[in-house]
C-alpha atoms as a PDB file:
ATOM      1  CA  MET A   1      11.174  -1.148 -11.982  1.00  0.00           C
ATOM      2  CA  LYS A   2       7.870   1.177 -11.667  1.00  0.00           C
ATOM      3  CA  LEU A   3       4.078   0.119 -12.805  1.00  0.00           C
ATOM      4  CA  ASN A   4       3.577   2.872 -15.762  1.00  0.00           C
ATOM      5  CA  PHE A   5      -0.259   2.394 -15.642  1.00  0.00           C
ATOM      6  CA  ILE A   6      -2.966  -0.206 -15.559  1.00  0.00           C
ATOM      7  CA  THR A   7      -5.347  -0.083 -18.782  1.00  0.00           C
ATOM      8  CA  PHE A   8      -9.460  -1.578 -18.480  1.00  0.00           C
ATOM      9  CA  MET A   9     -11.028  -1.680 -21.982  1.00  0.00           C
ATOM     10  CA  VAL A  10     -14.391   0.286 -20.415  1.00  0.00           C
ATOM     11  CA  ARG A  11     -18.253  -0.223 -21.922  1.00  0.00           C
ATOM     12  CA  ASP A  12     -19.277   3.220 -21.140  1.00  0.00           C
ATOM     13  CA  ILE A  13     -15.956   5.925 -21.285  1.00  0.00           C
ATOM     14  CA  LYS A  14     -18.045   8.801 -20.482  1.00  0.00           C
ATOM     15  CA  ALA A  15     -19.890   6.893 -17.251  1.00  0.00           C
ATOM     16  CA  SER A  16     -15.851   5.119 -15.759  1.00  0.00           C
ATOM     17  CA  VAL A  17     -14.198   8.500 -16.046  1.00  0.00           C
ATOM     18  CA  ALA A  18     -16.761  10.097 -14.115  1.00  0.00           C
ATOM     19  CA  PHE A  19     -16.341   7.864 -11.593  1.00  0.00           C
ATOM     20  CA  TYR A  20     -12.584   8.290 -11.357  1.00  0.00           C
ATOM     21  CA  GLN A  21     -12.678  11.785 -11.229  1.00  0.00           C
ATOM     22  CA  GLU A  22     -15.583  12.143  -8.479  1.00  0.00           C
ATOM     23  CA  LEU A  23     -15.331   9.516  -6.463  1.00  0.00           C
ATOM     24  CA  ALA A  24     -10.917   9.079  -6.835  1.00  0.00           C
ATOM     25  CA  GLY A  25      -9.737  12.505  -7.676  1.00  0.00           C
ATOM     26  CA  LEU A  26      -8.449  11.106 -10.512  1.00  0.00           C
ATOM     27  CA  GLN A  27      -7.947  14.431 -12.966  1.00  0.00           C
ATOM     28  CA  VAL A  28      -8.115  14.272 -17.039  1.00  0.00           C
ATOM     29  CA  ILE A  29      -4.417  14.210 -17.808  1.00  0.00           C
ATOM     30  CA  ASN A  30      -4.685  13.237 -21.600  1.00  0.00           C
ATOM     31  CA  ARG A  31      -7.861  12.393 -23.687  1.00  0.00           C
ATOM     32  CA  MET A  32      -7.027  10.837 -27.576  1.00  0.00           C
ATOM     33  CA  ASN A  33      -9.118   9.379 -30.052  1.00  0.00           C
ATOM     34  CA  PRO A  34      -7.915   8.040 -32.852  1.00  0.00           C
ATOM     35  CA  GLY A  35     -10.588   6.886 -34.626  1.00  0.00           C
ATOM     36  CA  ALA A  36     -11.199   3.694 -33.434  1.00  0.00           C
ATOM     37  CA  GLY A  37     -12.975   4.926 -29.909  1.00  0.00           C
ATOM     38  CA  GLU A  38     -11.642   7.085 -27.677  1.00  0.00           C
ATOM     39  CA  ILE A  39      -8.647   6.618 -24.952  1.00  0.00           C
ATOM     40  CA  VAL A  40      -8.500   8.549 -22.063  1.00  0.00           C
ATOM     41  CA  PHE A  41      -5.739   8.783 -18.949  1.00  0.00           C
ATOM     42  CA  LEU A  42      -6.324   9.717 -15.965  1.00  0.00           C
ATOM     43  CA  ALA A  43      -3.855  10.429 -12.688  1.00  0.00           C
ATOM     44  CA  ASN A  44      -3.806  11.611  -8.701  1.00  0.00           C
ATOM     45  CA  GLU A  45      -1.691  15.571  -8.854  1.00  0.00           C
ATOM     46  CA  LYS A  46       1.033  13.504  -8.250  1.00  0.00           C
ATOM     47  CA  GLY A  47       1.014  11.026 -11.331  1.00  0.00           C
ATOM     48  CA  GLU A  48       0.770   8.887  -8.778  1.00  0.00           C
ATOM     49  CA  THR A  49      -1.914   6.958  -9.842  1.00  0.00           C
ATOM     50  CA  MET A  50      -2.716   6.086 -13.246  1.00  0.00           C
ATOM     51  CA  LEU A  51      -5.315   4.522 -15.088  1.00  0.00           C
ATOM     52  CA  GLU A  52      -6.109   3.992 -18.809  1.00  0.00           C
ATOM     53  CA  LEU A  53      -9.165   3.713 -19.929  1.00  0.00           C
ATOM     54  CA  ILE A  54     -10.216   2.311 -23.113  1.00  0.00           C
ATOM     55  CA  GLU A  55     -13.297   2.647 -25.424  1.00  0.00           C
ATOM     56  CA  PHE A  56     -13.082   0.993 -29.092  1.00  0.00           C
ATOM     57  CA  GLU A  57     -16.523  -1.426 -30.825  1.00  0.00           C
ATOM     58  CA  GLY A  58     -15.904  -5.131 -31.256  1.00  0.00           C
ATOM     59  CA  VAL A  59     -13.149  -4.879 -28.735  1.00  0.00           C
ATOM     60  CA  GLU A  60     -12.955  -7.093 -25.194  1.00  0.00           C
ATOM     61  CA  LYS A  61     -14.352  -5.669 -22.394  1.00  0.00           C
ATOM     62  CA  VAL A  62     -12.908  -6.087 -18.984  1.00  0.00           C
ATOM     63  CA  ALA A  63     -14.165  -8.746 -16.665  1.00  0.00           C
ATOM     64  CA  THR A  64     -12.872  -8.584 -12.887  1.00  0.00           C
ATOM     65  CA  LYS A  65     -13.786 -11.991 -10.196  1.00  0.00           C
ATOM     66  CA  GLY A  66     -11.060 -11.446  -7.254  1.00  0.00           C
ATOM     67  CA  MET A  67      -9.964  -7.932  -8.555  1.00  0.00           C
ATOM     68  CA  VAL A  68     -10.008  -4.564  -5.973  1.00  0.00           C
ATOM     69  CA  LEU A  69      -8.522  -1.640  -6.885  1.00  0.00           C
ATOM     70  CA  SER A  70      -7.542   0.010  -3.176  1.00  0.00           C
ATOM     71  CA  PHE A  71      -7.775   4.098  -2.890  1.00  0.00           C
ATOM     72  CA  SER A  72      -6.621   5.882   0.461  1.00  0.00           C
ATOM     73  CA  ALA A  73      -8.964   8.350   0.904  1.00  0.00           C
ATOM     74  CA  ASP A  74      -8.216  11.858   1.066  1.00  0.00           C
ATOM     75  CA  ASP A  75     -11.424  12.751   2.375  1.00  0.00           C
ATOM     76  CA  GLU A  76     -13.842  11.619   5.432  1.00  0.00           C
ATOM     77  CA  LEU A  77     -14.787   8.241   4.734  1.00  0.00           C
ATOM     78  CA  GLY A  78     -17.933   9.027   5.926  1.00  0.00           C
ATOM     79  CA  GLU A  79     -18.842  11.773   3.049  1.00  0.00           C
ATOM     80  CA  LEU A  80     -17.123   9.457   1.003  1.00  0.00           C
ATOM     81  CA  ARG A  81     -19.746   7.279   1.599  1.00  0.00           C
ATOM     82  CA  GLU A  82     -22.359   9.434   1.294  1.00  0.00           C
ATOM     83  CA  LYS A  83     -21.183  10.716  -2.134  1.00  0.00           C
ATOM     84  CA  ALA A  84     -21.339   7.601  -3.649  1.00  0.00           C
ATOM     85  CA  LEU A  85     -24.566   7.157  -2.090  1.00  0.00           C
ATOM     86  CA  THR A  86     -25.918  10.191  -3.965  1.00  0.00           C
ATOM     87  CA  LEU A  87     -24.018   9.609  -7.328  1.00  0.00           C
ATOM     88  CA  GLY A  88     -26.261   7.203  -7.624  1.00  0.00           C
ATOM     89  CA  TYR A  89     -23.744   4.353  -6.832  1.00  0.00           C
ATOM     90  CA  SER A  90     -24.091   1.393  -4.213  1.00  0.00           C
ATOM     91  CA  PRO A  91     -21.420   0.935  -1.489  1.00  0.00           C
ATOM     92  CA  SER A  92     -20.615  -1.088   1.421  1.00  0.00           C
ATOM     93  CA  GLU A  93     -21.308  -0.244   4.806  1.00  0.00           C
ATOM     94  CA  ILE A  94     -17.966   1.184   6.062  1.00  0.00           C
ATOM     95  CA  ILE A  95     -16.177  -1.405   7.938  1.00  0.00           C
ATOM     96  CA  ALA A  96     -14.094  -1.316  10.571  1.00  0.00           C
ATOM     97  CA  LYS A  97     -12.562  -4.629  11.373  1.00  0.00           C
ATOM     98  CA  GLY A  98      -8.916  -5.692  11.108  1.00  0.00           C
ATOM     99  CA  PRO A  99      -6.719  -6.548   9.495  1.00  0.00           C
ATOM    100  CA  LYS A 100      -7.235  -3.554   7.163  1.00  0.00           C
ATOM    101  CA  PRO A 101      -8.029  -0.575   7.612  1.00  0.00           C
ATOM    102  CA  LYS A 102     -11.452   0.755   8.237  1.00  0.00           C
ATOM    103  CA  HIS A 103     -13.334   1.076   4.299  1.00  0.00           C
ATOM    104  CA  PHE A 104     -15.765   0.571   2.114  1.00  0.00           C
ATOM    105  CA  THR A 105     -16.095  -1.159  -1.576  1.00  0.00           C
ATOM    106  CA  VAL A 106     -18.670   0.263  -4.986  1.00  0.00           C
ATOM    107  CA  ALA A 107     -18.798  -1.467  -8.180  1.00  0.00           C
ATOM    108  CA  ASP A 108     -17.240   0.942 -10.966  1.00  0.00           C
ATOM    109  CA  PRO A 109     -19.951   0.838 -14.113  1.00  0.00           C
ATOM    110  CA  ASP A 110     -17.678  -2.193 -14.914  1.00  0.00           C
ATOM    111  CA  GLY A 111     -17.931  -4.111 -12.087  1.00  0.00           C
ATOM    112  CA  ILE A 112     -14.654  -3.804 -10.788  1.00  0.00           C
ATOM    113  CA  VAL A 113     -14.393  -3.437  -7.351  1.00  0.00           C
ATOM    114  CA  VAL A 114     -13.092  -0.760  -5.677  1.00  0.00           C
ATOM    115  CA  GLU A 115     -12.216   0.246  -2.279  1.00  0.00           C
ATOM    116  CA  PHE A 116     -11.537   3.472  -0.819  1.00  0.00           C
ATOM    117  CA  SER A 117      -9.715   3.332   3.362  1.00  0.00           C
ATOM    118  CA  VAL A 118      -8.545   5.602   5.447  1.00  0.00           C
END
C-alpha cells in the first residue's frame, strides 16, 4: 500500500500553488474547475510527492496544529531560505542540531508548517 496524495482545503488556491511550486519545486500535473471551485494536483518530477489543493466556497478550510510537511531540499538550504524571504515568507533560522537533519521551517499560506531539510 502507498499513500496516493494528501488533500488540503485551502483558502487561496493561487497562493498555495505558488508556495509549493516556488519553494518545494512541485509542478501542476492536473487542474480541474468543476464549477463549485478549483482543484489542483501538484507533484514532484518523479510523481512521488503529490498534493491535492481544493478551493471551494463554503467548505471548511484546513486547520493545522501539530502537523509538519517535510521536504528534502534539492537546493542549498541557505539559498532556499533566502528565496523564501525574498518571496515574502517568514522562514525560521536554519537549525543544525540533531537528531533531525539541518533544516528550516516556514508556514504555507494556510499556516501549515513546512520543513525543508538536507
